[in-house]
N, C-alpha and C. Protein backbone atom coordinates (compact mmCIF):
# COMPACT_ATOMS: atom_id res chain seq x y z
N UNK A 1 0.85 -1.19 0.00
CA UNK A 1 0.00 0.00 0.00
C UNK A 1 0.88 1.25 0.00
N UNK A 2 0.56 2.21 -0.82
CA UNK A 2 1.37 3.41 -0.89
C UNK A 2 1.09 4.34 0.28
N UNK A 3 2.13 5.04 0.72
CA UNK A 3 1.97 5.99 1.83
C UNK A 3 0.88 7.01 1.53
N UNK A 4 0.81 7.45 0.29
CA UNK A 4 -0.14 8.50 -0.10
C UNK A 4 -1.59 8.05 -0.01
N UNK A 5 -1.83 6.75 0.12
CA UNK A 5 -3.20 6.25 0.21
C UNK A 5 -3.78 6.45 1.61
N UNK A 6 -2.94 6.72 2.57
CA UNK A 6 -3.42 6.97 3.93
C UNK A 6 -3.76 8.46 4.07
N UNK A 7 -5.02 8.76 4.32
CA UNK A 7 -5.49 10.14 4.34
C UNK A 7 -5.61 10.72 5.75
N UNK A 8 -5.37 9.90 6.76
CA UNK A 8 -5.45 10.38 8.14
C UNK A 8 -4.79 9.35 9.05
N UNK A 9 -4.53 9.74 10.28
CA UNK A 9 -4.01 8.80 11.27
C UNK A 9 -4.99 7.66 11.47
N UNK A 10 -6.29 7.97 11.44
CA UNK A 10 -7.32 6.94 11.63
C UNK A 10 -7.22 5.87 10.53
N UNK A 11 -6.91 6.29 9.30
CA UNK A 11 -6.72 5.32 8.22
C UNK A 11 -5.58 4.35 8.56
N UNK A 12 -4.51 4.90 9.11
CA UNK A 12 -3.37 4.07 9.48
C UNK A 12 -3.75 3.10 10.60
N UNK A 13 -4.50 3.61 11.59
CA UNK A 13 -4.86 2.79 12.75
C UNK A 13 -5.79 1.64 12.36
N UNK A 14 -6.54 1.81 11.28
CA UNK A 14 -7.40 0.71 10.82
C UNK A 14 -6.57 -0.50 10.42
N UNK A 15 -5.37 -0.26 9.94
CA UNK A 15 -4.50 -1.34 9.47
C UNK A 15 -3.42 -1.71 10.48
N UNK A 16 -2.98 -0.70 11.23
CA UNK A 16 -1.90 -0.91 12.20
C UNK A 16 -2.33 -0.33 13.55
N UNK A 17 -2.97 -1.11 14.40
CA UNK A 17 -3.45 -0.60 15.70
C UNK A 17 -2.28 -0.11 16.55
N UNK A 18 -2.39 1.13 16.99
CA UNK A 18 -1.36 1.74 17.83
C UNK A 18 -2.02 2.48 18.98
N UNK A 19 -1.28 2.69 20.03
CA UNK A 19 -1.69 3.61 21.09
C UNK A 19 -1.31 5.01 20.63
N UNK A 20 -2.24 5.93 20.67
CA UNK A 20 -1.99 7.31 20.23
C UNK A 20 -2.09 8.24 21.42
N UNK A 21 -1.09 9.07 21.60
CA UNK A 21 -1.07 9.97 22.74
C UNK A 21 -0.40 11.28 22.35
N UNK A 22 -0.48 12.26 23.25
CA UNK A 22 0.21 13.53 23.07
C UNK A 22 1.06 13.81 24.30
N UNK A 23 2.23 14.38 24.06
CA UNK A 23 3.13 14.76 25.16
C UNK A 23 4.13 15.77 24.63
N UNK A 24 4.72 16.51 25.54
CA UNK A 24 5.76 17.46 25.16
C UNK A 24 7.11 16.75 25.34
N UNK A 25 7.52 16.01 24.31
CA UNK A 25 8.78 15.27 24.43
C UNK A 25 9.97 16.04 23.87
N UNK A 26 9.72 17.13 23.17
CA UNK A 26 10.81 17.94 22.64
C UNK A 26 11.26 18.96 23.68
N UNK A 27 12.54 19.13 23.85
CA UNK A 27 13.05 20.06 24.87
C UNK A 27 12.92 21.51 24.44
N UNK A 28 12.98 22.39 25.41
CA UNK A 28 13.01 23.82 25.11
C UNK A 28 14.46 24.22 24.90
N UNK A 29 14.83 24.35 23.65
CA UNK A 29 16.22 24.68 23.32
C UNK A 29 16.22 25.56 22.08
N UNK A 30 17.11 26.52 22.07
CA UNK A 30 17.23 27.40 20.92
C UNK A 30 18.67 27.39 20.42
N UNK A 31 18.82 27.46 19.11
CA UNK A 31 20.14 27.54 18.51
C UNK A 31 20.23 28.79 17.65
N UNK A 32 21.31 29.51 17.77
CA UNK A 32 21.45 30.73 16.96
C UNK A 32 21.65 30.38 15.50
N UNK A 33 21.23 31.30 14.65
CA UNK A 33 21.37 31.13 13.21
C UNK A 33 22.23 32.24 12.63
N UNK A 34 22.96 31.90 11.60
CA UNK A 34 23.79 32.90 10.94
C UNK A 34 22.92 34.01 10.36
N UNK A 35 23.45 35.20 10.32
CA UNK A 35 22.70 36.34 9.80
C UNK A 35 22.28 36.11 8.35
N UNK A 36 23.14 35.43 7.58
CA UNK A 36 22.82 35.17 6.18
C UNK A 36 21.61 34.24 6.05
N UNK A 37 21.48 33.26 6.98
CA UNK A 37 20.33 32.36 6.96
C UNK A 37 19.05 33.13 7.26
N UNK A 38 19.10 33.97 8.27
CA UNK A 38 17.93 34.78 8.63
C UNK A 38 17.55 35.71 7.50
N UNK A 39 18.54 36.28 6.84
CA UNK A 39 18.29 37.19 5.72
C UNK A 39 17.57 36.45 4.59
N UNK A 40 18.02 35.22 4.27
CA UNK A 40 17.38 34.43 3.22
C UNK A 40 15.97 34.03 3.61
N UNK A 41 15.78 33.67 4.88
CA UNK A 41 14.46 33.29 5.37
C UNK A 41 13.49 34.46 5.26
N UNK A 42 13.92 35.62 5.72
CA UNK A 42 13.06 36.80 5.67
C UNK A 42 12.73 37.19 4.23
N UNK A 43 13.69 37.01 3.33
CA UNK A 43 13.43 37.30 1.92
C UNK A 43 12.35 36.36 1.37
N UNK A 44 12.44 35.07 1.70
CA UNK A 44 11.45 34.10 1.22
C UNK A 44 10.07 34.43 1.77
N UNK A 45 10.00 34.78 3.06
CA UNK A 45 8.73 35.15 3.68
C UNK A 45 8.14 36.39 3.00
N UNK A 46 8.99 37.34 2.72
CA UNK A 46 8.53 38.59 2.12
C UNK A 46 8.01 38.38 0.70
N UNK A 47 8.66 37.50 -0.05
CA UNK A 47 8.36 37.36 -1.47
C UNK A 47 7.29 36.32 -1.77
N UNK A 48 6.88 35.52 -0.78
CA UNK A 48 5.85 34.51 -1.07
C UNK A 48 4.51 35.19 -1.36
N UNK A 49 3.77 34.59 -2.26
CA UNK A 49 2.46 35.12 -2.63
C UNK A 49 1.36 34.26 -2.01
N UNK A 50 0.13 34.61 -2.26
CA UNK A 50 -1.00 33.88 -1.69
C UNK A 50 -1.11 32.48 -2.28
N UNK A 51 -0.61 32.30 -3.48
CA UNK A 51 -0.67 30.99 -4.15
C UNK A 51 0.74 30.59 -4.56
N UNK A 52 1.27 29.55 -3.89
CA UNK A 52 2.60 29.06 -4.21
C UNK A 52 2.55 27.55 -4.44
N UNK A 53 3.55 27.04 -5.12
CA UNK A 53 3.63 25.60 -5.38
C UNK A 53 4.15 24.87 -4.14
N UNK A 54 3.91 23.56 -4.10
CA UNK A 54 4.44 22.75 -3.00
C UNK A 54 5.97 22.84 -2.97
N UNK A 55 6.59 22.89 -4.15
CA UNK A 55 8.04 22.95 -4.23
C UNK A 55 8.58 24.24 -3.60
N UNK A 56 7.81 25.32 -3.71
CA UNK A 56 8.24 26.58 -3.10
C UNK A 56 8.43 26.41 -1.60
N UNK A 57 7.46 25.77 -0.95
CA UNK A 57 7.54 25.60 0.51
C UNK A 57 8.64 24.61 0.89
N UNK A 58 8.80 23.57 0.08
CA UNK A 58 9.84 22.58 0.37
C UNK A 58 11.23 23.19 0.26
N UNK A 59 11.47 23.90 -0.85
CA UNK A 59 12.81 24.44 -1.09
C UNK A 59 13.04 25.75 -0.36
N UNK A 60 11.95 26.49 -0.11
CA UNK A 60 12.10 27.79 0.53
C UNK A 60 12.16 27.73 2.04
N UNK A 61 11.48 26.73 2.64
CA UNK A 61 11.39 26.66 4.10
C UNK A 61 11.88 25.34 4.70
N UNK A 62 11.43 24.21 4.13
CA UNK A 62 11.72 22.94 4.79
C UNK A 62 13.18 22.53 4.64
N UNK A 63 13.66 22.44 3.40
CA UNK A 63 15.02 21.95 3.21
C UNK A 63 16.08 22.86 3.81
N UNK A 64 15.97 24.20 3.73
CA UNK A 64 17.03 25.02 4.33
C UNK A 64 17.24 24.75 5.82
N UNK A 65 16.16 24.54 6.57
CA UNK A 65 16.31 24.23 7.99
C UNK A 65 16.93 22.86 8.19
N UNK A 66 16.48 21.88 7.40
CA UNK A 66 17.03 20.53 7.56
C UNK A 66 18.50 20.50 7.17
N UNK A 67 18.84 21.20 6.12
CA UNK A 67 20.24 21.23 5.69
C UNK A 67 21.12 21.90 6.74
N UNK A 68 20.61 22.97 7.35
CA UNK A 68 21.37 23.68 8.36
C UNK A 68 21.72 22.76 9.52
N UNK A 69 20.76 21.93 9.94
CA UNK A 69 21.00 21.00 11.04
C UNK A 69 21.87 19.84 10.59
N UNK A 70 21.64 19.37 9.37
CA UNK A 70 22.39 18.24 8.84
C UNK A 70 23.91 18.50 8.90
N UNK A 71 24.32 19.72 8.71
CA UNK A 71 25.74 20.07 8.72
C UNK A 71 26.41 19.72 10.04
N UNK A 72 25.61 19.62 11.12
CA UNK A 72 26.15 19.32 12.45
C UNK A 72 26.07 17.82 12.78
N UNK A 73 25.50 17.02 11.88
CA UNK A 73 25.29 15.60 12.18
C UNK A 73 25.68 14.77 10.95
N UNK A 74 26.98 14.65 10.74
CA UNK A 74 27.49 14.09 9.50
C UNK A 74 27.44 12.56 9.46
N UNK A 75 26.98 11.93 10.54
CA UNK A 75 26.79 10.47 10.51
C UNK A 75 25.45 10.10 9.88
N UNK A 76 24.67 11.12 9.51
CA UNK A 76 23.35 10.90 8.95
C UNK A 76 23.31 11.25 7.47
N UNK A 77 22.31 10.69 6.79
CA UNK A 77 22.07 11.00 5.39
C UNK A 77 20.62 11.45 5.24
N UNK A 78 20.40 12.59 4.60
CA UNK A 78 19.05 13.06 4.28
C UNK A 78 18.73 12.64 2.86
N UNK A 79 17.70 11.82 2.71
CA UNK A 79 17.25 11.36 1.40
C UNK A 79 16.07 12.20 0.95
N UNK A 80 16.06 12.57 -0.31
CA UNK A 80 15.00 13.41 -0.87
C UNK A 80 14.27 12.63 -1.96
N UNK A 81 12.97 12.42 -1.74
CA UNK A 81 12.14 11.71 -2.73
C UNK A 81 12.78 10.39 -3.18
N UNK A 82 13.32 9.65 -2.25
CA UNK A 82 13.88 8.34 -2.56
C UNK A 82 12.90 7.26 -2.09
N UNK A 83 12.82 6.19 -2.85
CA UNK A 83 11.89 5.12 -2.52
C UNK A 83 12.22 4.51 -1.16
N UNK A 84 11.18 4.32 -0.37
CA UNK A 84 11.28 3.63 0.92
C UNK A 84 10.20 2.55 0.91
N UNK A 85 10.58 1.33 1.20
CA UNK A 85 9.59 0.25 1.10
C UNK A 85 9.85 -0.82 2.15
N UNK A 86 8.76 -1.27 2.76
CA UNK A 86 8.79 -2.47 3.58
C UNK A 86 8.02 -3.53 2.81
N UNK A 87 8.79 -4.43 2.15
CA UNK A 87 8.20 -5.45 1.28
C UNK A 87 7.25 -4.75 0.30
N UNK A 88 6.08 -5.32 0.07
CA UNK A 88 5.05 -4.66 -0.74
C UNK A 88 3.96 -4.08 0.15
N UNK A 89 4.18 -4.17 1.45
CA UNK A 89 3.15 -3.77 2.42
C UNK A 89 3.03 -2.26 2.54
N UNK A 90 4.17 -1.59 2.60
CA UNK A 90 4.21 -0.14 2.71
C UNK A 90 5.29 0.38 1.78
N UNK A 91 4.93 1.28 0.90
CA UNK A 91 5.90 1.74 -0.08
C UNK A 91 5.58 3.16 -0.56
N UNK A 92 6.58 3.84 -1.02
CA UNK A 92 6.39 5.19 -1.55
C UNK A 92 7.67 5.98 -1.50
N UNK A 93 7.56 7.26 -1.75
CA UNK A 93 8.71 8.16 -1.74
C UNK A 93 8.42 9.31 -0.78
N UNK A 94 8.86 9.19 0.47
CA UNK A 94 8.69 10.31 1.40
C UNK A 94 9.33 11.58 0.85
N UNK A 95 8.80 12.72 1.24
CA UNK A 95 9.44 13.97 0.81
C UNK A 95 10.90 13.98 1.25
N UNK A 96 11.13 13.56 2.50
CA UNK A 96 12.47 13.38 3.02
C UNK A 96 12.43 12.23 4.02
N UNK A 97 13.54 11.51 4.15
CA UNK A 97 13.72 10.69 5.32
C UNK A 97 15.21 10.63 5.64
N UNK A 98 15.51 10.27 6.88
CA UNK A 98 16.87 10.31 7.38
C UNK A 98 17.28 8.93 7.83
N UNK A 99 18.50 8.55 7.47
CA UNK A 99 19.05 7.28 7.91
C UNK A 99 20.52 7.48 8.25
N UNK A 100 21.15 6.40 8.72
CA UNK A 100 22.59 6.45 8.92
C UNK A 100 23.28 6.62 7.57
N UNK A 101 24.36 7.36 7.55
CA UNK A 101 25.12 7.57 6.31
C UNK A 101 25.76 6.25 5.90
N UNK A 102 25.53 5.80 4.65
CA UNK A 102 26.15 4.54 4.20
C UNK A 102 27.67 4.62 4.26
N UNK A 103 28.29 3.51 4.63
CA UNK A 103 29.74 3.44 4.69
C UNK A 103 30.24 2.43 3.67
N UNK A 104 30.96 2.90 2.67
CA UNK A 104 31.51 2.02 1.67
C UNK A 104 30.46 1.47 0.73
N UNK A 105 30.86 0.58 -0.19
CA UNK A 105 29.92 -0.02 -1.16
C UNK A 105 28.85 -0.83 -0.44
N UNK A 106 27.62 -0.68 -0.86
CA UNK A 106 26.52 -1.40 -0.24
C UNK A 106 25.37 -1.54 -1.22
N UNK A 107 24.64 -2.63 -1.09
CA UNK A 107 23.44 -2.82 -1.90
C UNK A 107 22.23 -2.19 -1.23
N UNK A 108 22.40 -1.76 0.02
CA UNK A 108 21.29 -1.19 0.78
C UNK A 108 21.70 0.16 1.35
N UNK A 109 21.80 1.20 0.49
CA UNK A 109 22.26 2.50 0.96
C UNK A 109 21.33 3.16 1.97
N UNK A 110 20.04 2.79 1.92
CA UNK A 110 19.09 3.40 2.85
C UNK A 110 19.37 2.97 4.28
N UNK A 111 19.77 1.70 4.45
CA UNK A 111 20.16 1.23 5.77
C UNK A 111 19.06 1.29 6.80
N UNK A 112 19.27 2.11 7.82
CA UNK A 112 18.38 2.18 8.97
C UNK A 112 17.65 3.54 8.99
N UNK A 113 16.44 3.62 8.43
CA UNK A 113 15.71 4.90 8.41
C UNK A 113 15.16 5.23 9.80
N UNK A 114 15.37 6.47 10.22
CA UNK A 114 15.05 6.86 11.59
C UNK A 114 14.11 8.04 11.71
N UNK A 115 13.91 8.77 10.63
CA UNK A 115 13.04 9.96 10.68
C UNK A 115 12.42 10.17 9.32
N UNK A 116 11.11 10.38 9.28
CA UNK A 116 10.39 10.63 8.02
C UNK A 116 9.77 12.02 8.06
N UNK A 117 9.80 12.68 6.92
CA UNK A 117 9.25 14.03 6.81
C UNK A 117 8.22 14.07 5.70
N UNK A 118 7.02 14.52 6.02
CA UNK A 118 5.96 14.66 5.03
C UNK A 118 5.53 16.12 4.95
N UNK A 119 5.36 16.61 3.74
CA UNK A 119 4.85 17.97 3.56
C UNK A 119 3.34 17.97 3.70
N UNK A 120 2.82 18.88 4.51
CA UNK A 120 1.37 19.04 4.63
C UNK A 120 0.90 19.90 3.47
N UNK A 121 0.59 19.24 2.38
CA UNK A 121 0.24 19.97 1.17
C UNK A 121 -1.06 20.74 1.38
N UNK A 122 -1.05 22.01 0.98
CA UNK A 122 -2.18 22.93 1.19
C UNK A 122 -2.53 22.99 2.68
N UNK A 123 -1.52 22.86 3.52
CA UNK A 123 -1.65 22.95 4.98
C UNK A 123 -2.62 21.90 5.54
N UNK A 124 -2.72 20.77 4.87
CA UNK A 124 -3.59 19.68 5.34
C UNK A 124 -2.78 18.77 6.25
N UNK A 125 -2.77 19.09 7.55
CA UNK A 125 -1.99 18.31 8.50
C UNK A 125 -2.65 16.96 8.80
N UNK A 126 -3.95 16.85 8.60
CA UNK A 126 -4.62 15.56 8.83
C UNK A 126 -4.09 14.52 7.86
N UNK A 127 -4.10 14.85 6.57
CA UNK A 127 -3.57 13.92 5.58
C UNK A 127 -2.05 13.79 5.71
N UNK A 128 -1.40 14.89 6.05
CA UNK A 128 0.05 14.85 6.22
C UNK A 128 0.47 13.84 7.28
N UNK A 129 -0.28 13.81 8.39
CA UNK A 129 0.07 12.86 9.45
C UNK A 129 -0.30 11.44 9.07
N UNK A 130 -1.35 11.25 8.29
CA UNK A 130 -1.65 9.90 7.80
C UNK A 130 -0.50 9.34 7.00
N UNK A 131 0.02 10.16 6.09
CA UNK A 131 1.15 9.74 5.26
C UNK A 131 2.40 9.55 6.10
N UNK A 132 2.68 10.50 6.99
CA UNK A 132 3.91 10.45 7.78
C UNK A 132 3.91 9.24 8.72
N UNK A 133 2.79 8.97 9.37
CA UNK A 133 2.74 7.83 10.29
C UNK A 133 2.95 6.52 9.53
N UNK A 134 2.38 6.40 8.34
CA UNK A 134 2.61 5.21 7.53
C UNK A 134 4.10 5.07 7.20
N UNK A 135 4.75 6.18 6.90
CA UNK A 135 6.18 6.16 6.63
C UNK A 135 6.97 5.76 7.87
N UNK A 136 6.55 6.25 9.03
CA UNK A 136 7.23 5.90 10.28
C UNK A 136 7.10 4.42 10.58
N UNK A 137 5.94 3.85 10.32
CA UNK A 137 5.73 2.42 10.55
C UNK A 137 6.62 1.61 9.60
N UNK A 138 6.73 2.07 8.35
CA UNK A 138 7.62 1.40 7.40
C UNK A 138 9.06 1.43 7.91
N UNK A 139 9.49 2.57 8.43
CA UNK A 139 10.84 2.69 8.99
C UNK A 139 11.03 1.70 10.13
N UNK A 140 10.04 1.64 11.00
CA UNK A 140 10.12 0.74 12.16
C UNK A 140 10.23 -0.72 11.71
N UNK A 141 9.43 -1.11 10.74
CA UNK A 141 9.44 -2.49 10.26
C UNK A 141 10.74 -2.81 9.53
N UNK A 142 11.26 -1.87 8.78
CA UNK A 142 12.55 -2.08 8.09
C UNK A 142 13.66 -2.30 9.11
N UNK A 143 13.65 -1.50 10.18
CA UNK A 143 14.69 -1.62 11.21
C UNK A 143 14.58 -2.93 11.98
N UNK A 144 13.35 -3.41 12.17
CA UNK A 144 13.12 -4.65 12.91
C UNK A 144 13.83 -4.63 14.26
N UNK A 145 13.70 -3.51 14.95
CA UNK A 145 14.33 -3.35 16.27
C UNK A 145 13.40 -2.50 17.13
N UNK A 146 12.70 -3.14 18.05
CA UNK A 146 11.69 -2.42 18.84
C UNK A 146 12.30 -1.42 19.82
N UNK A 147 13.62 -1.47 20.01
CA UNK A 147 14.25 -0.52 20.91
C UNK A 147 14.52 0.83 20.24
N UNK A 148 14.44 0.86 18.92
CA UNK A 148 14.69 2.11 18.21
C UNK A 148 13.44 2.99 18.20
N UNK A 149 13.64 4.28 18.32
CA UNK A 149 12.55 5.25 18.20
C UNK A 149 12.61 5.87 16.81
N UNK A 150 11.48 5.89 16.14
CA UNK A 150 11.38 6.52 14.82
C UNK A 150 10.65 7.85 14.99
N UNK A 151 11.17 8.89 14.39
CA UNK A 151 10.59 10.22 14.52
C UNK A 151 9.89 10.63 13.22
N UNK A 152 8.95 11.55 13.34
CA UNK A 152 8.23 12.04 12.19
C UNK A 152 8.01 13.54 12.25
N UNK A 153 8.03 14.17 11.09
CA UNK A 153 7.78 15.61 10.97
C UNK A 153 6.77 15.83 9.87
N UNK A 154 5.79 16.67 10.15
CA UNK A 154 4.86 17.13 9.11
C UNK A 154 4.97 18.65 9.07
N UNK A 155 5.27 19.17 7.89
CA UNK A 155 5.48 20.61 7.75
C UNK A 155 4.73 21.16 6.56
N UNK A 156 4.12 22.32 6.76
CA UNK A 156 3.50 23.04 5.66
C UNK A 156 4.44 24.13 5.14
N UNK A 157 5.66 24.13 5.63
CA UNK A 157 6.62 25.16 5.25
C UNK A 157 6.85 26.11 6.40
N UNK A 158 5.86 26.94 6.67
CA UNK A 158 5.99 27.88 7.78
C UNK A 158 5.75 27.21 9.13
N UNK A 159 4.86 26.20 9.16
CA UNK A 159 4.49 25.55 10.42
C UNK A 159 4.91 24.08 10.41
N UNK A 160 5.38 23.63 11.59
CA UNK A 160 5.95 22.29 11.72
C UNK A 160 5.34 21.58 12.93
N UNK A 161 5.01 20.28 12.75
CA UNK A 161 4.56 19.44 13.85
C UNK A 161 5.46 18.20 13.92
N UNK A 162 5.55 17.62 15.12
CA UNK A 162 6.50 16.54 15.35
C UNK A 162 5.85 15.37 16.07
N UNK A 163 6.37 14.17 15.83
CA UNK A 163 5.87 12.98 16.50
C UNK A 163 6.97 11.94 16.62
N UNK A 164 6.67 10.89 17.39
CA UNK A 164 7.61 9.77 17.50
C UNK A 164 6.85 8.47 17.66
N UNK A 165 7.48 7.39 17.22
CA UNK A 165 6.89 6.05 17.29
C UNK A 165 7.83 5.17 18.09
N UNK A 166 7.35 4.72 19.26
CA UNK A 166 8.12 3.83 20.12
C UNK A 166 7.30 2.56 20.32
N UNK A 167 7.84 1.44 19.84
CA UNK A 167 7.11 0.17 19.89
C UNK A 167 5.73 0.37 19.27
N UNK A 168 4.66 0.23 20.06
CA UNK A 168 3.31 0.38 19.48
C UNK A 168 2.64 1.67 19.92
N UNK A 169 3.44 2.68 20.29
CA UNK A 169 2.89 3.95 20.76
C UNK A 169 3.33 5.10 19.86
N UNK A 170 2.36 5.80 19.32
CA UNK A 170 2.62 6.99 18.50
C UNK A 170 2.30 8.21 19.35
N UNK A 171 3.28 9.09 19.52
CA UNK A 171 3.13 10.28 20.35
C UNK A 171 3.32 11.53 19.51
N UNK A 172 2.32 12.39 19.53
CA UNK A 172 2.45 13.71 18.90
C UNK A 172 2.95 14.70 19.92
N UNK A 173 3.92 15.50 19.53
CA UNK A 173 4.40 16.55 20.42
C UNK A 173 3.33 17.63 20.57
N UNK A 174 3.09 18.08 21.79
CA UNK A 174 2.02 19.04 22.04
C UNK A 174 2.26 20.35 21.31
N UNK A 175 3.47 20.86 21.42
CA UNK A 175 3.78 22.16 20.81
C UNK A 175 4.11 21.99 19.33
N UNK A 176 3.67 22.93 18.53
CA UNK A 176 4.08 23.04 17.13
C UNK A 176 5.08 24.19 17.04
N UNK A 177 5.77 24.27 15.93
CA UNK A 177 6.83 25.27 15.78
C UNK A 177 6.68 25.97 14.43
N UNK A 178 7.33 27.11 14.32
CA UNK A 178 7.18 27.92 13.13
C UNK A 178 8.51 28.55 12.73
N UNK A 179 8.65 28.82 11.45
CA UNK A 179 9.86 29.48 10.96
C UNK A 179 9.94 30.92 11.46
N UNK A 180 8.85 31.43 12.00
CA UNK A 180 8.86 32.79 12.53
C UNK A 180 9.60 32.86 13.87
N UNK A 181 9.88 31.68 14.47
CA UNK A 181 10.76 31.58 15.63
C UNK A 181 11.87 30.59 15.27
N UNK A 182 12.75 31.01 14.38
CA UNK A 182 13.70 30.07 13.77
C UNK A 182 14.66 29.42 14.76
N UNK A 183 15.06 30.12 15.80
CA UNK A 183 15.99 29.53 16.77
C UNK A 183 15.36 28.36 17.51
N UNK A 184 14.06 28.45 17.81
CA UNK A 184 13.36 27.36 18.48
C UNK A 184 13.20 26.17 17.53
N UNK A 185 12.82 26.45 16.29
CA UNK A 185 12.66 25.38 15.31
C UNK A 185 13.98 24.67 15.07
N UNK A 186 15.04 25.43 14.91
CA UNK A 186 16.34 24.83 14.68
C UNK A 186 16.76 23.99 15.88
N UNK A 187 16.42 24.46 17.09
CA UNK A 187 16.78 23.73 18.31
C UNK A 187 16.14 22.35 18.36
N UNK A 188 14.84 22.26 18.04
CA UNK A 188 14.17 20.96 18.12
C UNK A 188 14.63 20.05 16.98
N UNK A 189 14.89 20.62 15.81
CA UNK A 189 15.42 19.81 14.71
C UNK A 189 16.79 19.25 15.06
N UNK A 190 17.62 20.06 15.68
CA UNK A 190 18.94 19.60 16.09
C UNK A 190 18.82 18.48 17.12
N UNK A 191 17.86 18.59 18.03
CA UNK A 191 17.63 17.54 19.02
C UNK A 191 17.25 16.23 18.34
N UNK A 192 16.34 16.29 17.36
CA UNK A 192 15.92 15.08 16.67
C UNK A 192 17.06 14.46 15.88
N UNK A 193 17.83 15.28 15.20
CA UNK A 193 18.97 14.75 14.44
C UNK A 193 19.98 14.11 15.40
N UNK A 194 20.15 14.71 16.55
CA UNK A 194 21.07 14.16 17.55
C UNK A 194 20.60 12.78 18.02
N UNK A 195 19.28 12.66 18.27
CA UNK A 195 18.74 11.36 18.69
C UNK A 195 18.90 10.32 17.59
N UNK A 196 18.67 10.73 16.36
CA UNK A 196 18.84 9.80 15.23
C UNK A 196 20.30 9.39 15.09
N UNK A 197 21.20 10.34 15.26
CA UNK A 197 22.62 10.05 15.12
C UNK A 197 23.09 9.05 16.18
N UNK A 198 22.59 9.21 17.39
CA UNK A 198 22.94 8.27 18.47
C UNK A 198 22.47 6.86 18.12
N UNK A 199 21.25 6.76 17.60
CA UNK A 199 20.71 5.46 17.25
C UNK A 199 21.42 4.86 16.03
N UNK A 200 21.84 5.73 15.12
CA UNK A 200 22.54 5.25 13.92
C UNK A 200 23.86 4.58 14.27
N UNK A 201 24.42 4.95 15.39
CA UNK A 201 25.72 4.41 15.79
C UNK A 201 25.59 3.16 16.65
N UNK A 202 24.35 2.74 16.93
CA UNK A 202 24.14 1.58 17.79
C UNK A 202 24.56 0.29 17.11
N UNK A 203 24.49 0.24 15.79
CA UNK A 203 24.84 -0.99 15.07
C UNK A 203 25.97 -0.71 14.10
């Protein structure tokens, strides 16, 4: 089943029963940003119109933040629109997902996926989370390790929501974040990348 076929968390739960809860699992942390990054962000905010393409939000808001954090966590690899599949059961191309950086020649460059990112197209977070949770379950099944935590992000560009999957429990973070408070957003992204990097080094 393709990730895009899941239109809500409830759709996912019909096929994969999970405990669903909310908690504030992300820490309160801020990271400073270079003046040039802030300047580019403000320019993008200023120049966006009422009608923009999905690619505008991905390239203008989502990827710049992820790339900024990625620079500090070089044991990880950010994949963009690359196929992710657990057998034929769950398959598709997440907007982004993160795994351990492949080392040397390998037939399985994706390795251990630890974080999935779905764009909330037209700010539809309901469908965005349906897709993202399906991607997180695929990551969990590929890893085949119940001790690993898989993280998820749904972003409409300006606004970001976060979740995690531990064993059979899916937890949405209570607070959402926005590019209008870039130091806070960068802080939580850095925290997630750090957690993924720690887990990537476990094997």
